[in-house]
């Protein structure tokens, strides 16, 4: 079994290096006709290849140019082949069709989902098989070419770069290529009546910058704390909210008034104006996260804003999907923007090699929220941590951060405990060693699959001390450990 968290999904006997997907999709009847060519290798001597495919009918199949007998049972597709040797290359060619729909299971409805007027894909953790045959496990990252033919009034968004767009007889084919490997759960197709544009700095960010420039003048005539207090008052006036001042908040001075070095784009339809205005705050987020986590691991960062209200935002690579209900000025909306952006480092570039290490995704993304809270003049990361420690201490102490179990791996306590573990580690190491270690972590393991053990080794190397015992209570004990005090 490849992963006990997602039993019956994925194969340890196969590794796919490249997916080539040609999709012909009719939006009205929700009708998909498709061809998938998978290139990879078998990892054991075998006479069968087993893939994940849910709810779609296979029409033909071949392996290495020879027709293959195929049979579908449940969510599995089995191809019978001549004898294959371990490490032998394979080219798998599959034609398939049907009416794609979400898979309903432990984690709700996941996969291909119809909107009121379009499509979204929510693949985490095992929804990719609802629209293409795959080895659906995060340890098997691959390159992709995804080509989608739809009615011309719709826009298609997918992974990587748009390399070709051709129109014929009222329909348009959109072709995207991702040469950077990605996990199957991050493969995506978003379809809607969207237009695209670059995101400018928001007016809020501009007001924030003006406050900081005023603070710089104060700094020349008085103390640094006076300057920071002036900045906080200016931000409070600009944002229309009260903010507190913290001694360790000096990084605020430039990030939110400076344009991101990474191109930030938006796809939106009915909510275009509010999307462009609200998403401008992402410039500051990107600048902060680059400083804290290291270079951004992709070429661009885009956000799709659906016309439909969404229960939760969705991560993909190198994009995120928000509903219009995630564009408000309140902290709850803004923290979700920060959370999804942070996943580009933690989850997308650094992907867990097994689902039990999901805290490496969600703990970091949650901690990024707290860092942005401090950067944007709200509560400091330490205040957020202590507030959440109090909240979690009153909840049932029945989940292990380092092994929460499949049904509970997306429990909010995993997110918050993961962030608390990181904050405790930061307090233990000090800011310099902590952020240096995180930068080395994202550099050393860029675009790969990772584990908790690798994280501990990397941080220990950088800090020149073994951190295993410092994080062990957070990862391996049910009872919530105490947070260290600020130095």
Protein backbone atom coordinates (compact mmCIF):
# COMPACT_ATOMS: atom_id res chain seq x y z
CA UNK A 1 0.00 0.00 0.00
CA UNK A 2 1.44 3.35 -1.06
CA UNK A 3 -0.19 5.46 1.67
CA UNK A 4 -2.45 4.37 4.53
CA UNK A 5 -4.02 7.84 4.59
CA UNK A 6 -5.47 7.37 1.11
CA UNK A 7 -5.99 3.62 0.99
CA UNK A 8 -6.47 2.13 -2.46
CA UNK A 9 -5.17 5.25 -4.23
CA UNK A 10 -1.85 5.52 -6.04
CA UNK A 11 0.64 2.81 -6.95
CA UNK A 12 4.10 2.12 -5.55
CA UNK A 13 4.91 0.10 -8.70
CA UNK A 14 4.84 3.02 -11.12
CA UNK A 15 6.33 6.48 -11.54
CA UNK A 16 4.94 8.93 -14.12
CA UNK A 17 7.31 11.63 -15.38
CA UNK A 18 5.02 13.42 -17.84
CA UNK A 19 1.27 13.77 -18.46
CA UNK A 20 0.02 14.91 -21.87
CA UNK A 21 -3.71 15.61 -21.63
CA UNK A 22 -5.98 16.60 -24.55
CA UNK A 23 -9.48 17.46 -23.33
CA UNK A 24 -12.54 18.26 -25.45
CA UNK A 25 -15.12 19.62 -23.05
CA UNK A 26 -18.72 20.67 -23.73
CA UNK A 27 -19.84 22.94 -20.90
CA UNK A 28 -23.63 22.73 -21.31
CA UNK A 29 -23.97 18.93 -21.16
CA UNK A 30 -20.83 18.52 -19.01
CA UNK A 31 -19.41 16.14 -21.60
CA UNK A 32 -15.72 15.25 -21.71
CA UNK A 33 -13.88 13.38 -24.46
CA UNK A 34 -10.18 13.05 -23.80
CA UNK A 35 -6.86 11.41 -24.48
CA UNK A 36 -4.08 11.02 -21.94
CA UNK A 37 -0.51 10.01 -22.77
CA UNK A 38 1.56 9.15 -19.70
CA UNK A 39 5.31 8.66 -19.88
CA UNK A 40 7.19 7.05 -17.02
CA UNK A 41 8.60 3.76 -15.82
CA UNK A 42 7.57 0.72 -13.83
CA UNK A 43 9.35 0.20 -10.53
CA UNK A 44 9.00 -3.58 -10.34
CA UNK A 45 8.76 -6.59 -12.63
CA UNK A 46 5.11 -6.69 -13.69
CA UNK A 47 2.61 -7.60 -16.39
CA UNK A 48 0.03 -5.01 -15.37
CA UNK A 49 -0.18 -1.25 -14.86
CA UNK A 50 -2.71 0.10 -12.37
CA UNK A 51 -3.87 3.71 -12.47
CA UNK A 52 -6.48 5.81 -10.68
CA UNK A 53 -9.55 6.83 -12.71
CA UNK A 54 -12.93 7.71 -11.23
CA UNK A 55 -16.30 7.82 -12.98
CA UNK A 56 -15.06 7.96 -16.58
CA UNK A 57 -15.23 5.29 -19.29
CA UNK A 58 -12.09 4.11 -21.08
CA UNK A 59 -12.53 3.63 -24.82
CA UNK A 60 -9.05 2.40 -25.79
CA UNK A 61 -5.62 1.88 -24.32
CA UNK A 62 -2.09 0.99 -25.38
CA UNK A 63 1.26 0.53 -23.66
CA UNK A 64 4.47 1.15 -25.61
CA UNK A 65 2.52 1.24 -28.84
CA UNK A 66 0.74 -2.08 -28.34
CA UNK A 67 -2.95 -2.39 -27.57
CA UNK A 68 -3.58 -3.29 -23.97
CA UNK A 69 -6.53 -5.07 -22.42
CA UNK A 70 -8.14 -2.86 -19.80
CA UNK A 71 -10.64 -3.23 -16.99
CA UNK A 72 -12.14 -0.68 -14.62
CA UNK A 73 -13.18 -1.61 -11.13
CA UNK A 74 -14.23 1.02 -8.65
CA UNK A 75 -11.72 3.86 -8.90
CA UNK A 76 -8.98 1.75 -10.49
CA UNK A 77 -8.00 1.14 -14.11
CA UNK A 78 -5.94 -1.99 -14.78
CA UNK A 79 -4.00 -2.41 -18.02
CA UNK A 80 -2.69 -5.89 -18.86
CA UNK A 81 0.68 -5.78 -20.62
CA UNK A 82 3.44 -8.06 -21.82
CA UNK A 83 6.06 -8.71 -19.14
CA UNK A 84 7.79 -5.50 -18.05
CA UNK A 85 11.09 -5.32 -16.19
CA UNK A 86 11.76 -3.07 -13.22
CA UNK A 87 12.78 0.45 -14.32
CA UNK A 88 11.54 -0.19 -17.87
CA UNK A 89 10.18 2.95 -19.59
CA UNK A 90 6.50 2.94 -20.50
CA UNK A 91 4.29 5.12 -22.68
CA UNK A 92 0.65 4.70 -21.72
CA UNK A 93 -1.97 6.00 -24.17
CA UNK A 94 -5.59 6.10 -22.97
CA UNK A 95 -8.75 7.37 -24.61
CA UNK A 96 -11.65 8.06 -22.28
CA UNK A 97 -14.95 9.95 -22.00
CA UNK A 98 -17.89 10.69 -19.76
CA UNK A 99 -19.57 13.24 -17.55
CA UNK A 100 -17.00 14.19 -14.92
CA UNK A 101 -18.20 14.83 -11.41
CA UNK A 102 -16.70 15.14 -7.93
CA UNK A 103 -15.76 12.08 -5.94
CA UNK A 104 -17.69 11.98 -2.67
CA UNK A 105 -15.83 10.58 0.30
CA UNK A 106 -13.97 11.21 3.53
CA UNK A 107 -12.92 14.76 2.59
CA UNK A 108 -16.18 15.88 0.99
CA UNK A 109 -16.69 16.49 -2.71
CA UNK A 110 -13.33 16.64 -4.50
CA UNK A 111 -12.24 16.75 -8.12
CA UNK A 112 -13.97 18.10 -11.23
CA UNK A 113 -16.95 20.23 -10.28
CA UNK A 114 -19.45 22.19 -12.36
CA UNK A 115 -20.05 25.83 -11.47
CA UNK A 116 -23.14 27.78 -12.43
CA UNK A 117 -21.35 28.72 -15.64
CA UNK A 118 -18.02 26.96 -15.83
CA UNK A 119 -15.80 24.46 -14.05
CA UNK A 120 -13.38 24.25 -11.17
CA UNK A 121 -11.10 21.43 -10.08
CA UNK A 122 -10.44 20.86 -6.38
CA UNK A 123 -7.97 17.99 -6.42
CA UNK A 124 -6.72 17.68 -2.83
CA UNK A 125 -6.08 15.02 -1.79
CA UNK A 126 -7.29 12.43 -4.34
CA UNK A 127 -9.50 14.27 -6.83
CA UNK A 128 -7.24 14.23 -9.89
CA UNK A 129 -8.61 10.87 -11.05
CA UNK A 130 -12.04 12.45 -11.63
CA UNK A 131 -10.72 14.00 -14.86
CA UNK A 132 -7.63 12.07 -15.98
CA UNK A 133 -5.98 8.66 -15.39
CA UNK A 134 -3.06 9.11 -13.02
CA UNK A 135 -0.87 7.83 -10.23
CA UNK A 136 -2.65 9.96 -7.66
CA UNK A 137 -0.15 10.46 -4.88
CA UNK A 138 1.96 13.53 -3.96
CA UNK A 139 5.21 11.52 -4.02
CA UNK A 140 4.85 11.19 -7.79
CA UNK A 141 5.42 14.70 -9.15
CA UNK A 142 5.50 15.11 -12.93
CA UNK A 143 5.58 17.59 -15.78
CA UNK A 144 2.33 18.39 -17.60
CA UNK A 145 0.95 19.52 -20.92
CA UNK A 146 -2.78 20.24 -20.62
CA UNK A 147 -4.81 21.22 -23.69
CA UNK A 148 -8.51 22.05 -23.34
CA UNK A 149 -11.01 22.73 -26.13
CA UNK A 150 -14.10 24.72 -25.04
CA UNK A 151 -16.60 27.24 -26.38
CA UNK A 152 -14.82 30.46 -27.30
CA UNK A 153 -16.66 32.72 -24.85
CA UNK A 154 -14.93 30.90 -21.99
CA UNK A 155 -11.40 31.21 -20.63
CA UNK A 156 -9.41 28.18 -19.52
CA UNK A 157 -6.79 28.45 -16.77
CA UNK A 158 -4.40 25.61 -16.03
CA UNK A 159 -0.91 24.90 -14.69
CA UNK A 160 2.26 26.46 -16.05
CA UNK A 161 2.44 28.78 -19.05
CA UNK A 162 -0.10 29.32 -21.80
CA UNK A 163 1.90 28.21 -24.84
CA UNK A 164 -0.79 28.16 -27.52
CA UNK A 165 -4.31 29.41 -28.12
CA UNK A 166 -6.18 28.55 -31.32
CA UNK A 167 -9.77 29.31 -32.31
CA UNK A 168 -11.86 27.45 -34.87
CA UNK A 169 -15.61 27.28 -35.53
CA UNK A 170 -16.69 28.96 -32.32
CA UNK A 171 -14.44 26.93 -30.06
CA UNK A 172 -10.98 27.67 -28.68
CA UNK A 173 -8.19 25.35 -27.61
CA UNK A 174 -6.03 26.50 -24.71
CA UNK A 175 -2.70 24.73 -24.23
CA UNK A 176 -0.66 25.02 -21.04
CA UNK A 177 2.69 23.48 -20.22
CA UNK A 178 4.33 23.03 -16.83
CA UNK A 179 7.98 22.02 -17.05
CA UNK A 180 8.20 22.38 -13.28
CA UNK A 181 7.04 19.11 -11.69
CA UNK A 182 3.80 19.16 -9.75
CA UNK A 183 1.74 16.71 -7.73
CA UNK A 184 -1.45 15.30 -9.21
CA UNK A 185 -3.63 17.00 -6.58
CA UNK A 186 -2.32 20.37 -7.83
CA UNK A 187 -3.12 19.71 -11.50
CA UNK A 188 -6.06 21.90 -12.40
CA UNK A 189 -8.49 23.20 -14.98
CA UNK A 190 -10.54 26.32 -14.23
CA UNK A 191 -13.13 27.40 -16.81
CA UNK A 192 -15.26 30.54 -16.73
CA UNK A 193 -16.15 33.79 -18.45
CA UNK A 194 -12.98 35.40 -17.15
CA UNK A 195 -10.73 38.17 -18.29
CA UNK A 196 -7.11 38.47 -17.24
CA UNK A 197 -4.99 41.34 -16.00
CA UNK A 198 -2.04 42.27 -13.80
CA UNK A 199 -2.77 43.25 -10.20
CA UNK A 200 -1.65 46.77 -9.25
CA UNK A 201 -0.74 47.86 -5.74
CA UNK A 202 -3.97 48.39 -3.84
CA UNK A 203 -5.02 51.81 -2.57
CA UNK A 204 -4.73 50.35 0.93
CA UNK A 205 -1.10 49.46 0.24
CA UNK A 206 -0.49 52.97 -1.07
CA UNK A 207 -1.93 54.49 2.10
CA UNK A 208 0.17 52.05 4.12
CA UNK A 209 3.26 53.22 2.26
CA UNK A 210 2.47 56.86 2.89
CA UNK A 211 2.20 56.13 6.60
CA UNK A 212 5.58 54.39 6.52
CA UNK A 213 7.21 57.28 4.68
CA UNK A 214 5.91 59.58 7.39
CA UNK A 215 7.41 57.23 9.96
CA UNK A 216 10.79 57.48 8.27
CA UNK A 217 10.76 61.24 8.79
CA UNK A 218 9.92 60.70 12.45
CA UNK A 219 12.82 58.28 12.72
CA UNK A 220 15.25 60.97 11.65
CA UNK A 221 14.15 63.19 14.54
CA UNK A 222 13.36 60.65 17.24
CA UNK A 223 13.58 57.06 18.39
CA UNK A 224 12.90 54.01 16.24
CA UNK A 225 9.98 53.12 18.50
CA UNK A 226 8.47 56.57 18.00
CA UNK A 227 8.79 56.04 14.26
CA UNK A 228 7.12 52.66 14.47
CA UNK A 229 4.33 54.11 16.59
CA UNK A 230 3.82 56.85 13.98
CA UNK A 231 3.68 54.22 11.25
CA UNK A 232 1.16 52.17 13.19
CA UNK A 233 -1.05 55.22 13.72
CA UNK A 234 -0.86 56.00 10.04
CA UNK A 235 -1.75 52.46 9.07
CA UNK A 236 -4.62 52.47 11.52
CA UNK A 237 -5.97 55.59 9.89
CA UNK A 238 -5.49 54.19 6.42
CA UNK A 239 -7.10 50.85 7.20
CA UNK A 240 -9.79 52.24 9.45
CA UNK A 241 -8.81 49.88 12.27
CA UNK A 242 -6.82 49.89 15.48
CA UNK A 243 -3.38 48.28 15.33
CA UNK A 244 -0.93 47.49 18.09
CA UNK A 245 2.78 48.21 18.02
CA UNK A 246 5.31 45.45 18.63
CA UNK A 247 9.01 45.74 19.27
CA UNK A 248 9.89 43.06 16.69
CA UNK A 249 7.82 44.46 13.82
CA UNK A 250 10.50 46.38 11.94
CA UNK A 251 10.04 44.45 8.70
CA UNK A 252 6.82 46.36 8.05
CA UNK A 253 8.58 49.40 6.68
CA UNK A 254 8.89 48.48 2.98
CA UNK A 255 7.02 45.35 1.94
CA UNK A 256 3.51 46.70 1.55
CA UNK A 257 4.36 49.78 -0.49
CA UNK A 258 6.70 48.01 -2.93
CA UNK A 259 5.57 46.21 -6.07
CA UNK A 260 6.21 42.48 -6.03
CA UNK A 261 9.17 41.26 -8.12
CA UNK A 262 6.93 38.34 -9.14
CA UNK A 263 4.18 39.08 -11.70
CA UNK A 264 0.79 38.90 -9.97
CA UNK A 265 -2.22 38.24 -12.18
CA UNK A 266 -5.95 37.80 -11.76
CA UNK A 267 -8.65 35.99 -13.73
CA UNK A 268 -12.14 37.23 -12.85
CA UNK A 269 -15.56 37.85 -14.32
CA UNK A 270 -18.46 39.44 -12.44
CA UNK A 271 -16.22 40.48 -9.54
CA UNK A 272 -13.37 41.98 -11.54
CA UNK A 273 -13.29 45.44 -9.91
CA UNK A 274 -13.27 44.26 -6.30
CA UNK A 275 -10.78 41.51 -7.16
CA UNK A 276 -8.28 43.94 -8.64
CA UNK A 277 -8.65 46.28 -5.68
CA UNK A 278 -8.46 43.71 -2.88
CA UNK A 279 -5.78 41.47 -4.38
CA UNK A 280 -3.35 44.39 -4.50
CA UNK A 281 -2.46 43.50 -0.92
CA UNK A 282 -0.67 40.45 -2.32
CA UNK A 283 2.29 42.61 -3.36
CA UNK A 284 3.15 43.09 0.30
CA UNK A 285 2.55 39.42 1.04
CA UNK A 286 4.86 38.31 -1.74
CA UNK A 287 7.62 40.67 -0.62
CA UNK A 288 7.34 39.48 2.98
CA UNK A 289 7.29 35.79 2.11
CA UNK A 290 10.30 36.08 -0.19
CA UNK A 291 12.23 37.61 2.70
CA UNK A 292 11.01 35.01 5.20
CA UNK A 293 10.96 31.87 3.06
CA UNK A 294 13.42 32.51 0.24
CA UNK A 295 12.99 33.12 -3.51
CA UNK A 296 9.54 32.51 -4.97
CA UNK A 297 9.72 29.06 -6.62
CA UNK A 298 7.77 29.84 -9.81
CA UNK A 299 7.66 32.47 -12.56
CA UNK A 300 4.24 33.99 -11.80
CA UNK A 301 1.43 33.87 -9.27
CA UNK A 302 -2.15 34.10 -10.46
CA UNK A 303 -5.51 34.09 -8.69
CA UNK A 304 -8.77 32.92 -10.23
CA UNK A 305 -11.87 34.55 -8.71
CA UNK A 306 -14.96 32.50 -9.48
CA UNK A 307 -18.39 34.02 -9.94
CA UNK A 308 -19.75 31.40 -7.54
CA UNK A 309 -19.35 31.63 -3.78
CA UNK A 310 -16.88 28.97 -2.58
CA UNK A 311 -16.77 27.25 0.79
CA UNK A 312 -12.96 27.43 0.95
CA UNK A 313 -10.19 28.75 -1.33
CA UNK A 314 -8.26 26.23 -3.41
CA UNK A 315 -4.54 25.91 -3.98
CA UNK A 316 -2.90 24.95 -7.24
CA UNK A 317 0.45 25.60 -8.94
CA UNK A 318 1.26 28.44 -9.57
CA UNK A 319 -2.19 29.79 -8.83
CA UNK A 320 -4.97 29.85 -6.27
CA UNK A 321 -8.75 29.94 -6.60
CA UNK A 322 -10.88 32.26 -4.47
CA UNK A 323 -14.58 32.90 -4.33
CA UNK A 324 -15.98 36.44 -4.24
CA UNK A 325 -16.69 35.81 -0.56
CA UNK A 326 -12.92 35.70 0.03
CA UNK A 327 -12.33 39.27 -1.16
CA UNK A 328 -13.59 41.22 1.84
CA UNK A 329 -11.51 43.76 3.79
CA UNK A 330 -11.73 41.75 7.02
CA UNK A 331 -8.85 39.71 8.47
CA UNK A 332 -10.58 36.39 7.77
CA UNK A 333 -10.49 37.07 4.02
CA UNK A 334 -6.99 38.52 3.98
CA UNK A 335 -5.47 35.68 5.98
CA UNK A 336 -6.81 33.20 3.41
CA UNK A 337 -5.05 35.12 0.64
CA UNK A 338 -1.80 34.86 2.59
CA UNK A 339 -2.41 31.19 3.34
CA UNK A 340 -2.92 30.22 -0.29
CA UNK A 341 0.08 32.21 -1.50
CA UNK A 342 2.33 30.56 1.09
CA UNK A 343 1.35 27.17 -0.29
CA UNK A 344 3.39 27.97 -3.39
CA UNK A 345 6.46 27.34 -1.22
CA UNK A 346 4.94 24.80 1.18
CA UNK A 347 2.85 22.21 -0.61
CA UNK A 348 3.64 23.07 -4.20
CA UNK A 349 7.41 23.46 -4.43
CA UNK A 350 7.98 21.37 -1.30
CA UNK A 351 5.36 18.62 -1.45
CA UNK A 352 4.85 15.99 1.26
CA UNK A 353 6.06 12.56 0.17
CA UNK A 354 3.30 11.05 2.35
CA UNK A 355 0.08 12.54 3.61
CA UNK A 356 0.97 12.07 7.29
CA UNK A 357 3.38 15.00 6.83
CA UNK A 358 0.57 17.37 5.83
CA UNK A 359 1.61 19.69 8.68
CA UNK A 360 4.59 20.73 6.54
CA UNK A 361 2.03 22.25 4.16
CA UNK A 362 -0.59 23.59 6.48
CA UNK A 363 1.54 24.53 9.47
CA UNK A 364 3.72 26.78 7.32
CA UNK A 365 0.75 28.27 5.46
CA UNK A 366 -0.96 29.05 8.76
CA UNK A 367 2.23 30.55 10.19
CA UNK A 368 2.48 32.72 7.07
CA UNK A 369 -0.91 34.17 8.04
CA UNK A 370 0.51 35.18 11.42
CA UNK A 371 3.60 36.71 9.85
CA UNK A 372 1.37 38.75 7.54
CA UNK A 373 -0.81 39.77 10.48
CA UNK A 374 2.21 41.37 12.11
CA UNK A 375 3.49 42.85 8.85
CA UNK A 376 0.14 44.48 8.12
CA UNK A 377 -0.14 46.15 11.53
CA UNK A 378 -2.48 43.70 13.21
CA UNK A 379 -1.60 41.29 16.02
CA UNK A 380 1.99 40.09 16.11
CA UNK A 381 2.87 36.50 15.25
CA UNK A 382 3.56 35.88 18.93
CA UNK A 383 0.17 37.27 19.93
CA UNK A 384 -1.57 35.11 17.31
CA UNK A 385 0.33 32.07 18.56
CA UNK A 386 -0.63 32.65 22.18
CA UNK A 387 -4.25 33.35 21.29
CA UNK A 388 -4.44 30.07 19.37
CA UNK A 389 -2.60 28.18 22.11
CA UNK A 390 -5.32 29.23 24.55
CA UNK A 391 -8.02 28.20 22.08
CA UNK A 392 -6.47 24.80 21.32
CA UNK A 393 -5.78 24.07 24.98
CA UNK A 394 -9.54 24.13 25.57
CA UNK A 395 -10.22 21.67 22.74
CA UNK A 396 -9.93 17.86 22.86
CA UNK A 397 -6.29 16.72 23.07
CA UNK A 398 -6.74 13.73 20.79
CA UNK A 399 -4.78 14.46 17.62
CA UNK A 400 -1.10 13.90 16.79
CA UNK A 401 0.40 16.61 14.62
CA UNK A 402 2.98 14.24 13.16
CA UNK A 403 0.45 11.50 12.40
CA UNK A 404 -3.13 12.82 12.54
CA UNK A 405 -4.68 9.99 10.51
CA UNK A 406 -6.29 10.19 7.09
CA UNK A 407 -9.78 11.33 8.13
CA UNK A 408 -8.34 14.12 10.32
CA UNK A 409 -5.43 15.36 8.24
CA UNK A 410 -7.34 18.53 7.31
CA UNK A 411 -8.59 19.14 10.85
CA UNK A 412 -7.99 22.79 11.74
CA UNK A 413 -6.02 21.68 14.80
CA UNK A 414 -3.36 20.28 12.45
CA UNK A 415 -3.03 23.70 10.83
CA UNK A 416 -2.82 25.61 14.11
CA UNK A 417 -0.65 23.08 15.95
CA UNK A 418 1.71 23.06 12.99
CA UNK A 419 2.02 26.84 13.14
CA UNK A 420 2.55 26.69 16.91
CA UNK A 421 5.31 24.12 16.43
CA UNK A 422 7.06 26.50 14.04
CA UNK A 423 6.65 29.45 16.38
CA UNK A 424 8.05 27.43 19.26
CA UNK A 425 11.01 26.47 17.08
CA UNK A 426 11.52 30.13 16.15
CA UNK A 427 11.57 31.10 19.82
CA UNK A 428 14.01 28.28 20.53
CA UNK A 429 16.45 29.16 17.73
CA UNK A 430 16.04 32.92 17.47
CA UNK A 431 14.95 34.79 14.35
CA UNK A 432 18.30 34.72 12.55
CA UNK A 433 18.80 30.95 12.72
CA UNK A 434 15.12 30.16 12.22
CA UNK A 435 14.60 32.16 9.04
CA UNK A 436 18.02 31.18 7.67
CA UNK A 437 17.04 27.54 8.17
CA UNK A 438 13.66 28.01 6.47
CA UNK A 439 15.37 29.65 3.50
CA UNK A 440 17.77 26.72 3.26
CA UNK A 441 14.84 24.29 3.54
CA UNK A 442 13.02 25.83 0.56
CA UNK A 443 16.28 26.02 -1.42
CA UNK A 444 17.59 22.53 -0.65
CA UNK A 445 14.30 20.77 -1.40
CA UNK A 446 12.96 23.04 -4.15
CA UNK A 447 10.45 21.26 -6.41
CA UNK A 448 10.76 17.93 -4.59
CA UNK A 449 8.83 15.67 -2.22
CA UNK A 450 9.78 16.04 1.43
CA UNK A 451 9.27 14.52 4.88
CA UNK A 452 9.32 15.60 8.50
CA UNK A 453 12.60 13.77 9.00
CA UNK A 454 14.21 15.75 6.19
CA UNK A 455 12.92 19.00 7.69
CA UNK A 456 14.46 18.18 11.07
CA UNK A 457 17.81 17.28 9.45
CA UNK A 458 17.90 20.46 7.38
CA UNK A 459 17.10 22.82 10.24
CA UNK A 460 19.53 20.98 12.52
CA UNK A 461 22.28 21.36 9.92
CA UNK A 462 21.74 25.11 9.62
CA UNK A 463 21.29 25.75 13.33
CA UNK A 464 24.27 23.50 14.12
CA UNK A 465 22.21 21.80 16.82
CA UNK A 466 19.80 18.87 16.86
CA UNK A 467 16.24 20.22 16.93
CA UNK A 468 14.58 16.78 17.13
CA UNK A 469 13.85 17.03 20.84
CA UNK A 470 12.58 20.60 20.53
CA UNK A 471 9.87 19.59 18.02
CA UNK A 472 9.21 16.06 19.31
CA UNK A 473 6.50 17.03 21.87
CA UNK A 474 4.65 19.05 19.22
CA UNK A 475 4.75 16.20 16.71
CA UNK A 476 4.41 13.12 18.88
CA UNK A 477 2.38 14.02 21.98
CA UNK A 478 -1.38 14.40 22.23
CA UNK A 479 -1.25 17.01 24.97
CA UNK A 480 -0.53 20.52 23.71
CA UNK A 481 3.02 21.50 24.77
CA UNK A 482 3.71 24.81 26.47
CA UNK A 483 4.92 27.67 24.27
CA UNK A 484 8.32 29.10 25.21
CA UNK A 485 8.33 32.67 26.46
CA UNK A 486 9.64 35.52 24.35
CA UNK A 487 13.38 36.05 24.98
